[in-house]
Amino acid sequence: MTPVADLPEGLRARIEGRDVIVFDGECVLCSGFFRFMLARDRERRFSYATAQSELGHALYTALGLPIDDFETNLVIVGGCIYGKLDAFAAAMRALPGPWPVLGAVRWLPKPLKDPAYGVIARNRYRLFGRYDACMVPDADLRARFLPGGFALG
């Protein structure tokens, strides 16, 4: 977990005070997570960005993560940036209904959850597939993305 306050000022200003999900828009699994969240986030708590976007690249770079292979989604909740399985847990805890119970995965030991997440992340395209390009959201969905949060084509 990294505090949003640790980001460079210009980047911090672009997301501060927002809950955000940054996902690999070419990954079928990651895009499925995005669609899952979108369908259950009825209060529109989250804003979104693809990892391939200008904003996604800036966030991954600021966090010291590679921008050529996005092996983690990022979830920003309450001013904290989460990656890997902790990102999933933070997102689940933020949803209404029964979903917060899935946030319990955050309590799994790091030596267990990080390697398990890593195996799936490294093999996600082979296991689940890959889109040729990031989706281009329609006008209604585009309003849910942060400025600079999606890559065209």
N, C-alpha and C. Protein backbone atom coordinates (compact mmCIF):
# COMPACT_ATOMS: atom_id res chain seq x y z
N MET A 1 0.84 -1.17 0.00
CA MET A 1 0.00 0.00 0.00
C MET A 1 0.89 1.24 0.00
N THR A 2 0.55 2.14 -0.90
CA THR A 2 1.28 3.40 -1.01
C THR A 2 0.29 4.55 -0.86
N PRO A 3 0.58 5.53 -0.04
CA PRO A 3 -0.33 6.68 0.06
C PRO A 3 -0.31 7.52 -1.22
N VAL A 4 -1.47 7.99 -1.62
CA VAL A 4 -1.56 8.89 -2.77
C VAL A 4 -0.68 10.11 -2.52
N ALA A 5 -0.54 10.52 -1.27
CA ALA A 5 0.28 11.68 -0.92
C ALA A 5 1.74 11.51 -1.34
N ASP A 6 2.20 10.28 -1.59
CA ASP A 6 3.57 10.02 -2.01
C ASP A 6 3.78 10.21 -3.51
N LEU A 7 2.71 10.40 -4.27
CA LEU A 7 2.83 10.60 -5.71
C LEU A 7 3.34 12.01 -6.01
N PRO A 8 3.94 12.21 -7.19
CA PRO A 8 4.33 13.58 -7.58
C PRO A 8 3.11 14.50 -7.57
N GLU A 9 3.32 15.75 -7.25
CA GLU A 9 2.22 16.69 -7.03
C GLU A 9 1.21 16.74 -8.18
N GLY A 10 1.68 16.85 -9.41
CA GLY A 10 0.76 16.95 -10.54
C GLY A 10 -0.10 15.71 -10.69
N LEU A 11 0.47 14.55 -10.49
CA LEU A 11 -0.27 13.30 -10.59
C LEU A 11 -1.23 13.16 -9.42
N ARG A 12 -0.75 13.51 -8.26
CA ARG A 12 -1.59 13.45 -7.05
C ARG A 12 -2.83 14.32 -7.22
N ALA A 13 -2.66 15.50 -7.78
CA ALA A 13 -3.79 16.41 -7.98
C ALA A 13 -4.83 15.82 -8.93
N ARG A 14 -4.40 14.99 -9.87
CA ARG A 14 -5.33 14.41 -10.84
C ARG A 14 -6.23 13.34 -10.23
N ILE A 15 -5.79 12.73 -9.14
CA ILE A 15 -6.59 11.64 -8.56
C ILE A 15 -6.97 11.86 -7.10
N GLU A 16 -6.38 12.83 -6.46
CA GLU A 16 -6.62 13.02 -5.03
C GLU A 16 -8.11 13.17 -4.73
N GLY A 17 -8.54 12.47 -3.70
CA GLY A 17 -9.93 12.54 -3.28
C GLY A 17 -10.85 11.61 -4.06
N ARG A 18 -10.30 10.86 -5.00
CA ARG A 18 -11.12 9.93 -5.79
C ARG A 18 -10.72 8.49 -5.48
N ASP A 19 -11.68 7.61 -5.59
CA ASP A 19 -11.40 6.18 -5.57
C ASP A 19 -11.30 5.76 -7.04
N VAL A 20 -10.23 5.04 -7.37
CA VAL A 20 -9.90 4.77 -8.77
C VAL A 20 -9.50 3.30 -8.94
N ILE A 21 -9.87 2.75 -10.08
CA ILE A 21 -9.40 1.42 -10.48
C ILE A 21 -8.67 1.58 -11.80
N VAL A 22 -7.42 1.12 -11.83
CA VAL A 22 -6.60 1.13 -13.03
C VAL A 22 -6.40 -0.33 -13.43
N PHE A 23 -6.80 -0.66 -14.65
CA PHE A 23 -6.77 -2.06 -15.09
C PHE A 23 -6.17 -2.18 -16.47
N ASP A 24 -5.65 -3.37 -16.77
CA ASP A 24 -5.09 -3.69 -18.08
C ASP A 24 -6.25 -3.85 -19.05
N GLY A 25 -6.43 -2.87 -19.92
CA GLY A 25 -7.55 -2.87 -20.85
C GLY A 25 -7.45 -3.89 -21.96
N GLU A 26 -6.30 -4.53 -22.12
CA GLU A 26 -6.14 -5.56 -23.15
C GLU A 26 -6.33 -6.97 -22.58
N CYS A 27 -6.30 -7.10 -21.28
CA CYS A 27 -6.43 -8.39 -20.61
C CYS A 27 -7.91 -8.72 -20.41
N VAL A 28 -8.33 -9.89 -20.88
CA VAL A 28 -9.71 -10.30 -20.74
C VAL A 28 -10.09 -10.44 -19.26
N LEU A 29 -9.21 -11.01 -18.45
CA LEU A 29 -9.49 -11.16 -17.02
C LEU A 29 -9.60 -9.80 -16.33
N CYS A 30 -8.65 -8.91 -16.59
CA CYS A 30 -8.64 -7.59 -15.96
C CYS A 30 -9.85 -6.75 -16.39
N SER A 31 -10.18 -6.84 -17.68
CA SER A 31 -11.35 -6.12 -18.18
C SER A 31 -12.63 -6.70 -17.58
N GLY A 32 -12.62 -8.00 -17.32
CA GLY A 32 -13.76 -8.62 -16.64
C GLY A 32 -13.91 -8.09 -15.22
N PHE A 33 -12.79 -7.89 -14.54
CA PHE A 33 -12.82 -7.28 -13.20
C PHE A 33 -13.41 -5.87 -13.29
N PHE A 34 -13.00 -5.11 -14.29
CA PHE A 34 -13.54 -3.76 -14.51
C PHE A 34 -15.05 -3.82 -14.70
N ARG A 35 -15.52 -4.71 -15.56
CA ARG A 35 -16.96 -4.82 -15.82
C ARG A 35 -17.72 -5.28 -14.57
N PHE A 36 -17.11 -6.18 -13.80
CA PHE A 36 -17.70 -6.63 -12.55
C PHE A 36 -17.89 -5.44 -11.60
N MET A 37 -16.83 -4.65 -11.46
CA MET A 37 -16.91 -3.48 -10.57
C MET A 37 -17.92 -2.47 -11.08
N LEU A 38 -17.90 -2.20 -12.35
CA LEU A 38 -18.80 -1.23 -12.95
C LEU A 38 -20.26 -1.60 -12.68
N ALA A 39 -20.59 -2.88 -12.81
CA ALA A 39 -21.96 -3.34 -12.61
C ALA A 39 -22.40 -3.25 -11.16
N ARG A 40 -21.46 -3.35 -10.23
CA ARG A 40 -21.82 -3.36 -8.81
C ARG A 40 -21.59 -2.03 -8.10
N ASP A 41 -20.92 -1.14 -8.76
CA ASP A 41 -20.65 0.19 -8.19
C ASP A 41 -21.79 1.14 -8.57
N ARG A 42 -22.95 0.84 -8.07
CA ARG A 42 -24.15 1.60 -8.45
C ARG A 42 -24.12 3.05 -7.97
N GLU A 43 -23.37 3.33 -6.93
CA GLU A 43 -23.26 4.70 -6.43
C GLU A 43 -22.18 5.49 -7.15
N ARG A 44 -21.53 4.85 -8.13
CA ARG A 44 -20.48 5.50 -8.94
C ARG A 44 -19.34 6.03 -8.07
N ARG A 45 -18.96 5.24 -7.12
CA ARG A 45 -17.87 5.60 -6.21
C ARG A 45 -16.53 5.65 -6.95
N PHE A 46 -16.33 4.70 -7.87
CA PHE A 46 -15.04 4.59 -8.55
C PHE A 46 -15.00 5.33 -9.88
N SER A 47 -13.81 5.87 -10.15
CA SER A 47 -13.44 6.34 -11.48
C SER A 47 -12.48 5.30 -12.01
N TYR A 48 -12.28 5.30 -13.33
CA TYR A 48 -11.48 4.24 -13.94
C TYR A 48 -10.42 4.80 -14.87
N ALA A 49 -9.41 3.97 -15.12
CA ALA A 49 -8.37 4.28 -16.11
C ALA A 49 -7.80 2.95 -16.58
N THR A 50 -7.40 2.91 -17.84
CA THR A 50 -6.70 1.72 -18.30
C THR A 50 -5.21 1.92 -18.04
N ALA A 51 -4.53 0.81 -17.84
CA ALA A 51 -3.09 0.87 -17.61
C ALA A 51 -2.36 1.41 -18.84
N GLN A 52 -2.94 1.19 -20.03
CA GLN A 52 -2.32 1.63 -21.27
C GLN A 52 -2.48 3.12 -21.54
N SER A 53 -3.30 3.79 -20.77
CA SER A 53 -3.56 5.21 -20.98
C SER A 53 -2.40 6.07 -20.47
N GLU A 54 -2.44 7.32 -20.81
CA GLU A 54 -1.42 8.27 -20.33
C GLU A 54 -1.43 8.32 -18.81
N LEU A 55 -2.60 8.39 -18.22
CA LEU A 55 -2.71 8.42 -16.76
C LEU A 55 -2.22 7.11 -16.15
N GLY A 56 -2.61 5.99 -16.75
CA GLY A 56 -2.14 4.69 -16.27
C GLY A 56 -0.63 4.60 -16.30
N HIS A 57 -0.02 5.00 -17.41
CA HIS A 57 1.44 4.98 -17.52
C HIS A 57 2.08 5.85 -16.45
N ALA A 58 1.52 7.03 -16.22
CA ALA A 58 2.07 7.94 -15.21
C ALA A 58 2.01 7.31 -13.82
N LEU A 59 0.90 6.67 -13.49
CA LEU A 59 0.77 6.03 -12.18
C LEU A 59 1.74 4.86 -12.02
N TYR A 60 1.81 4.00 -13.01
CA TYR A 60 2.73 2.85 -12.92
C TYR A 60 4.18 3.34 -12.81
N THR A 61 4.52 4.34 -13.60
CA THR A 61 5.88 4.88 -13.56
C THR A 61 6.20 5.46 -12.17
N ALA A 62 5.27 6.25 -11.64
CA ALA A 62 5.48 6.87 -10.33
C ALA A 62 5.63 5.83 -9.22
N LEU A 63 5.00 4.68 -9.42
CA LEU A 63 5.07 3.61 -8.41
C LEU A 63 6.22 2.63 -8.67
N GLY A 64 7.02 2.92 -9.70
CA GLY A 64 8.16 2.06 -10.01
C GLY A 64 7.75 0.74 -10.65
N LEU A 65 6.59 0.71 -11.30
CA LEU A 65 6.10 -0.49 -11.95
C LEU A 65 6.34 -0.40 -13.45
N PRO A 66 6.56 -1.54 -14.12
CA PRO A 66 6.80 -1.49 -15.56
C PRO A 66 5.56 -1.03 -16.33
N ILE A 67 5.80 -0.37 -17.46
CA ILE A 67 4.69 0.08 -18.31
C ILE A 67 4.61 -0.71 -19.61
N ASP A 68 5.34 -1.80 -19.66
CA ASP A 68 5.26 -2.66 -20.85
C ASP A 68 4.55 -3.98 -20.53
N ASP A 69 4.30 -4.25 -19.28
CA ASP A 69 3.60 -5.46 -18.85
C ASP A 69 2.93 -5.17 -17.52
N PHE A 70 1.64 -5.04 -17.55
CA PHE A 70 0.89 -4.60 -16.37
C PHE A 70 0.43 -5.81 -15.57
N GLU A 71 1.29 -6.29 -14.68
CA GLU A 71 0.99 -7.50 -13.92
C GLU A 71 0.21 -7.24 -12.64
N THR A 72 -0.32 -6.04 -12.49
CA THR A 72 -1.21 -5.78 -11.37
C THR A 72 -2.19 -4.67 -11.75
N ASN A 73 -3.42 -4.83 -11.31
CA ASN A 73 -4.35 -3.72 -11.34
C ASN A 73 -3.99 -2.83 -10.15
N LEU A 74 -4.37 -1.59 -10.23
CA LEU A 74 -4.20 -0.68 -9.09
C LEU A 74 -5.58 -0.27 -8.62
N VAL A 75 -5.77 -0.26 -7.32
CA VAL A 75 -7.02 0.21 -6.74
C VAL A 75 -6.66 1.27 -5.72
N ILE A 76 -7.25 2.44 -5.89
CA ILE A 76 -7.02 3.56 -4.98
C ILE A 76 -8.30 3.78 -4.20
N VAL A 77 -8.21 3.61 -2.90
CA VAL A 77 -9.36 3.77 -2.01
C VAL A 77 -8.90 4.53 -0.78
N GLY A 78 -9.64 5.57 -0.43
CA GLY A 78 -9.34 6.31 0.79
C GLY A 78 -7.94 6.87 0.85
N GLY A 79 -7.40 7.27 -0.31
CA GLY A 79 -6.07 7.87 -0.34
C GLY A 79 -4.92 6.87 -0.30
N CYS A 80 -5.22 5.57 -0.45
CA CYS A 80 -4.19 4.54 -0.46
C CYS A 80 -4.23 3.78 -1.78
N ILE A 81 -3.05 3.47 -2.31
CA ILE A 81 -2.93 2.75 -3.57
C ILE A 81 -2.55 1.30 -3.26
N TYR A 82 -3.36 0.38 -3.77
CA TYR A 82 -3.14 -1.04 -3.54
C TYR A 82 -2.83 -1.73 -4.86
N GLY A 83 -2.00 -2.76 -4.78
CA GLY A 83 -1.69 -3.59 -5.93
C GLY A 83 -1.91 -5.04 -5.60
N LYS A 84 -1.85 -5.86 -6.63
CA LYS A 84 -1.96 -7.31 -6.53
C LYS A 84 -3.26 -7.72 -5.83
N LEU A 85 -3.20 -8.74 -5.00
CA LEU A 85 -4.41 -9.24 -4.36
C LEU A 85 -4.98 -8.24 -3.36
N ASP A 86 -4.12 -7.38 -2.81
CA ASP A 86 -4.62 -6.33 -1.91
C ASP A 86 -5.49 -5.33 -2.66
N ALA A 87 -5.24 -5.14 -3.96
CA ALA A 87 -6.09 -4.27 -4.78
C ALA A 87 -7.49 -4.87 -4.90
N PHE A 88 -7.53 -6.16 -5.19
CA PHE A 88 -8.82 -6.85 -5.26
C PHE A 88 -9.56 -6.74 -3.93
N ALA A 89 -8.86 -6.98 -2.83
CA ALA A 89 -9.47 -6.92 -1.50
C ALA A 89 -10.02 -5.52 -1.22
N ALA A 90 -9.26 -4.49 -1.55
CA ALA A 90 -9.71 -3.12 -1.31
C ALA A 90 -10.96 -2.80 -2.13
N ALA A 91 -10.98 -3.27 -3.38
CA ALA A 91 -12.14 -3.03 -4.24
C ALA A 91 -13.38 -3.74 -3.67
N MET A 92 -13.21 -4.98 -3.24
CA MET A 92 -14.35 -5.73 -2.70
C MET A 92 -14.90 -5.08 -1.44
N ARG A 93 -14.00 -4.60 -0.58
CA ARG A 93 -14.43 -3.95 0.67
C ARG A 93 -15.20 -2.67 0.39
N ALA A 94 -15.00 -2.06 -0.77
CA ALA A 94 -15.66 -0.80 -1.10
C ALA A 94 -17.05 -0.98 -1.71
N LEU A 95 -17.38 -2.21 -2.06
CA LEU A 95 -18.69 -2.47 -2.68
C LEU A 95 -19.77 -2.69 -1.64
N PRO A 96 -21.02 -2.40 -2.00
CA PRO A 96 -22.13 -2.71 -1.10
C PRO A 96 -22.51 -4.19 -1.20
N GLY A 97 -23.38 -4.61 -0.33
CA GLY A 97 -23.91 -5.96 -0.38
C GLY A 97 -22.95 -6.99 0.19
N PRO A 98 -22.94 -8.20 -0.39
CA PRO A 98 -22.15 -9.29 0.18
C PRO A 98 -20.66 -9.25 -0.19
N TRP A 99 -20.28 -8.40 -1.12
CA TRP A 99 -18.93 -8.41 -1.68
C TRP A 99 -17.81 -8.12 -0.69
N PRO A 100 -18.00 -7.29 0.32
CA PRO A 100 -16.89 -7.02 1.25
C PRO A 100 -16.30 -8.25 1.93
N VAL A 101 -17.06 -9.32 2.03
CA VAL A 101 -16.52 -10.54 2.64
C VAL A 101 -15.32 -11.05 1.85
N LEU A 102 -15.28 -10.81 0.53
CA LEU A 102 -14.14 -11.24 -0.28
C LEU A 102 -12.88 -10.44 0.04
N GLY A 103 -13.05 -9.30 0.70
CA GLY A 103 -11.90 -8.51 1.13
C GLY A 103 -11.05 -9.21 2.16
N ALA A 104 -11.54 -10.31 2.69
CA ALA A 104 -10.77 -11.08 3.68
C ALA A 104 -9.48 -11.65 3.09
N VAL A 105 -9.36 -11.70 1.77
CA VAL A 105 -8.12 -12.21 1.17
C VAL A 105 -6.92 -11.35 1.56
N ARG A 106 -7.17 -10.15 2.00
CA ARG A 106 -6.05 -9.29 2.44
C ARG A 106 -5.31 -9.89 3.62
N TRP A 107 -5.97 -10.77 4.37
CA TRP A 107 -5.37 -11.35 5.57
C TRP A 107 -4.53 -12.59 5.25
N LEU A 108 -4.56 -13.04 4.00
CA LEU A 108 -3.69 -14.17 3.64
C LEU A 108 -2.23 -13.75 3.81
N PRO A 109 -1.36 -14.66 4.19
CA PRO A 109 0.06 -14.30 4.35
C PRO A 109 0.66 -13.88 3.00
N LYS A 110 1.44 -12.80 3.04
CA LYS A 110 2.08 -12.27 1.83
C LYS A 110 2.89 -13.33 1.08
N PRO A 111 3.65 -14.20 1.77
CA PRO A 111 4.40 -15.23 1.05
C PRO A 111 3.50 -16.22 0.30
N LEU A 112 2.23 -16.25 0.62
CA LEU A 112 1.29 -17.12 -0.09
C LEU A 112 0.56 -16.35 -1.19
N LYS A 113 0.04 -15.17 -0.85
CA LYS A 113 -0.81 -14.47 -1.82
C LYS A 113 -0.04 -13.82 -2.96
N ASP A 114 1.13 -13.27 -2.72
CA ASP A 114 1.88 -12.62 -3.81
C ASP A 114 2.35 -13.61 -4.87
N PRO A 115 2.93 -14.76 -4.48
CA PRO A 115 3.30 -15.74 -5.52
C PRO A 115 2.09 -16.28 -6.29
N ALA A 116 0.99 -16.54 -5.59
CA ALA A 116 -0.21 -17.04 -6.27
C ALA A 116 -0.73 -16.01 -7.26
N TYR A 117 -0.77 -14.75 -6.84
CA TYR A 117 -1.21 -13.68 -7.73
C TYR A 117 -0.25 -13.58 -8.92
N GLY A 118 1.04 -13.68 -8.65
CA GLY A 118 2.05 -13.57 -9.70
C GLY A 118 1.91 -14.63 -10.78
N VAL A 119 1.61 -15.86 -10.38
CA VAL A 119 1.44 -16.94 -11.36
C VAL A 119 0.28 -16.62 -12.30
N ILE A 120 -0.83 -16.19 -11.74
CA ILE A 120 -1.98 -15.85 -12.57
C ILE A 120 -1.67 -14.63 -13.44
N ALA A 121 -1.06 -13.61 -12.86
CA ALA A 121 -0.76 -12.39 -13.60
C ALA A 121 0.18 -12.66 -14.78
N ARG A 122 1.20 -13.45 -14.57
CA ARG A 122 2.16 -13.75 -15.64
C ARG A 122 1.57 -14.58 -16.76
N ASN A 123 0.54 -15.33 -16.44
CA ASN A 123 -0.07 -16.23 -17.42
C ASN A 123 -1.48 -15.81 -17.85
N ARG A 124 -1.88 -14.60 -17.49
CA ARG A 124 -3.26 -14.17 -17.71
C ARG A 124 -3.66 -14.14 -19.18
N TYR A 125 -2.78 -13.72 -20.06
CA TYR A 125 -3.14 -13.68 -21.48
C TYR A 125 -3.32 -15.09 -22.04
N ARG A 126 -2.44 -15.99 -21.65
CA ARG A 126 -2.52 -17.37 -22.13
C ARG A 126 -3.75 -18.07 -21.56
N LEU A 127 -4.05 -17.81 -20.29
CA LEU A 127 -5.18 -18.47 -19.64
C LEU A 127 -6.54 -17.89 -20.01
N PHE A 128 -6.62 -16.56 -20.11
CA PHE A 128 -7.91 -15.90 -20.28
C PHE A 128 -8.08 -15.18 -21.61
N GLY A 129 -6.97 -14.90 -22.28
CA GLY A 129 -7.05 -14.23 -23.57
C GLY A 129 -6.64 -12.77 -23.48
N ARG A 130 -6.53 -12.18 -24.69
CA ARG A 130 -6.08 -10.79 -24.78
C ARG A 130 -6.83 -10.12 -25.92
N TYR A 131 -7.29 -8.90 -25.66
CA TYR A 131 -7.91 -8.10 -26.71
C TYR A 131 -6.82 -7.48 -27.57
N ASP A 132 -7.12 -7.23 -28.84
CA ASP A 132 -6.16 -6.60 -29.75
C ASP A 132 -5.86 -5.17 -29.35
N ALA A 133 -6.84 -4.51 -28.72
CA ALA A 133 -6.68 -3.12 -28.29
C ALA A 133 -7.61 -2.87 -27.11
N CYS A 134 -7.33 -1.81 -26.39
CA CYS A 134 -8.21 -1.42 -25.29
C CYS A 134 -9.57 -1.01 -25.86
N MET A 135 -10.60 -1.23 -25.09
CA MET A 135 -11.93 -0.82 -25.52
C MET A 135 -12.01 0.70 -25.57
N VAL A 136 -12.91 1.18 -26.40
CA VAL A 136 -13.18 2.62 -26.46
C VAL A 136 -14.56 2.80 -25.86
N PRO A 137 -14.66 3.45 -24.72
CA PRO A 137 -15.96 3.57 -24.05
C PRO A 137 -16.89 4.53 -24.78
N ASP A 138 -18.20 4.24 -24.69
CA ASP A 138 -19.19 5.17 -25.23
C ASP A 138 -19.25 6.39 -24.32
N ALA A 139 -20.04 7.37 -24.69
CA ALA A 139 -20.07 8.64 -23.96
C ALA A 139 -20.44 8.46 -22.49
N ASP A 140 -21.42 7.61 -22.20
CA ASP A 140 -21.84 7.40 -20.82
C ASP A 140 -20.73 6.76 -20.00
N LEU A 141 -20.11 5.74 -20.55
CA LEU A 141 -19.02 5.07 -19.84
C LEU A 141 -17.78 5.95 -19.77
N ARG A 142 -17.54 6.73 -20.79
CA ARG A 142 -16.37 7.63 -20.80
C ARG A 142 -16.42 8.59 -19.61
N ALA A 143 -17.61 8.96 -19.18
CA ALA A 143 -17.75 9.87 -18.04
C ALA A 143 -17.25 9.23 -16.74
N ARG A 144 -17.14 7.91 -16.70
CA ARG A 144 -16.65 7.21 -15.52
C ARG A 144 -15.13 7.14 -15.47
N PHE A 145 -14.47 7.48 -16.59
CA PHE A 145 -13.01 7.45 -16.66
C PHE A 145 -12.43 8.82 -16.29
N LEU A 146 -11.30 8.81 -15.65
CA LEU A 146 -10.60 10.05 -15.35
C LEU A 146 -10.04 10.64 -16.64
N PRO A 147 -9.85 11.95 -16.70
CA PRO A 147 -9.20 12.54 -17.88
C PRO A 147 -7.85 11.88 -18.14
N GLY A 148 -7.61 11.50 -19.38
CA GLY A 148 -6.37 10.81 -19.73
C GLY A 148 -6.37 9.36 -19.30
N GLY A 149 -7.54 8.83 -18.92
CA GLY A 149 -7.63 7.49 -18.36
C GLY A 149 -7.93 6.36 -19.31
N PHE A 150 -8.05 6.65 -20.59
CA PHE A 150 -8.21 5.54 -21.52
C PHE A 150 -7.42 5.83 -22.78
N ALA A 151 -6.95 4.74 -23.36
CA ALA A 151 -6.14 4.82 -24.57
C ALA A 151 -7.03 4.52 -25.76
N LEU A 152 -6.97 5.33 -26.77
CA LEU A 152 -7.77 5.10 -27.98
C LEU A 152 -7.08 4.08 -28.86
N GLY A 153 -7.87 3.10 -29.28
CA GLY A 153 -7.39 2.10 -30.23
C GLY A 153 -6.49 1.07 -29.69
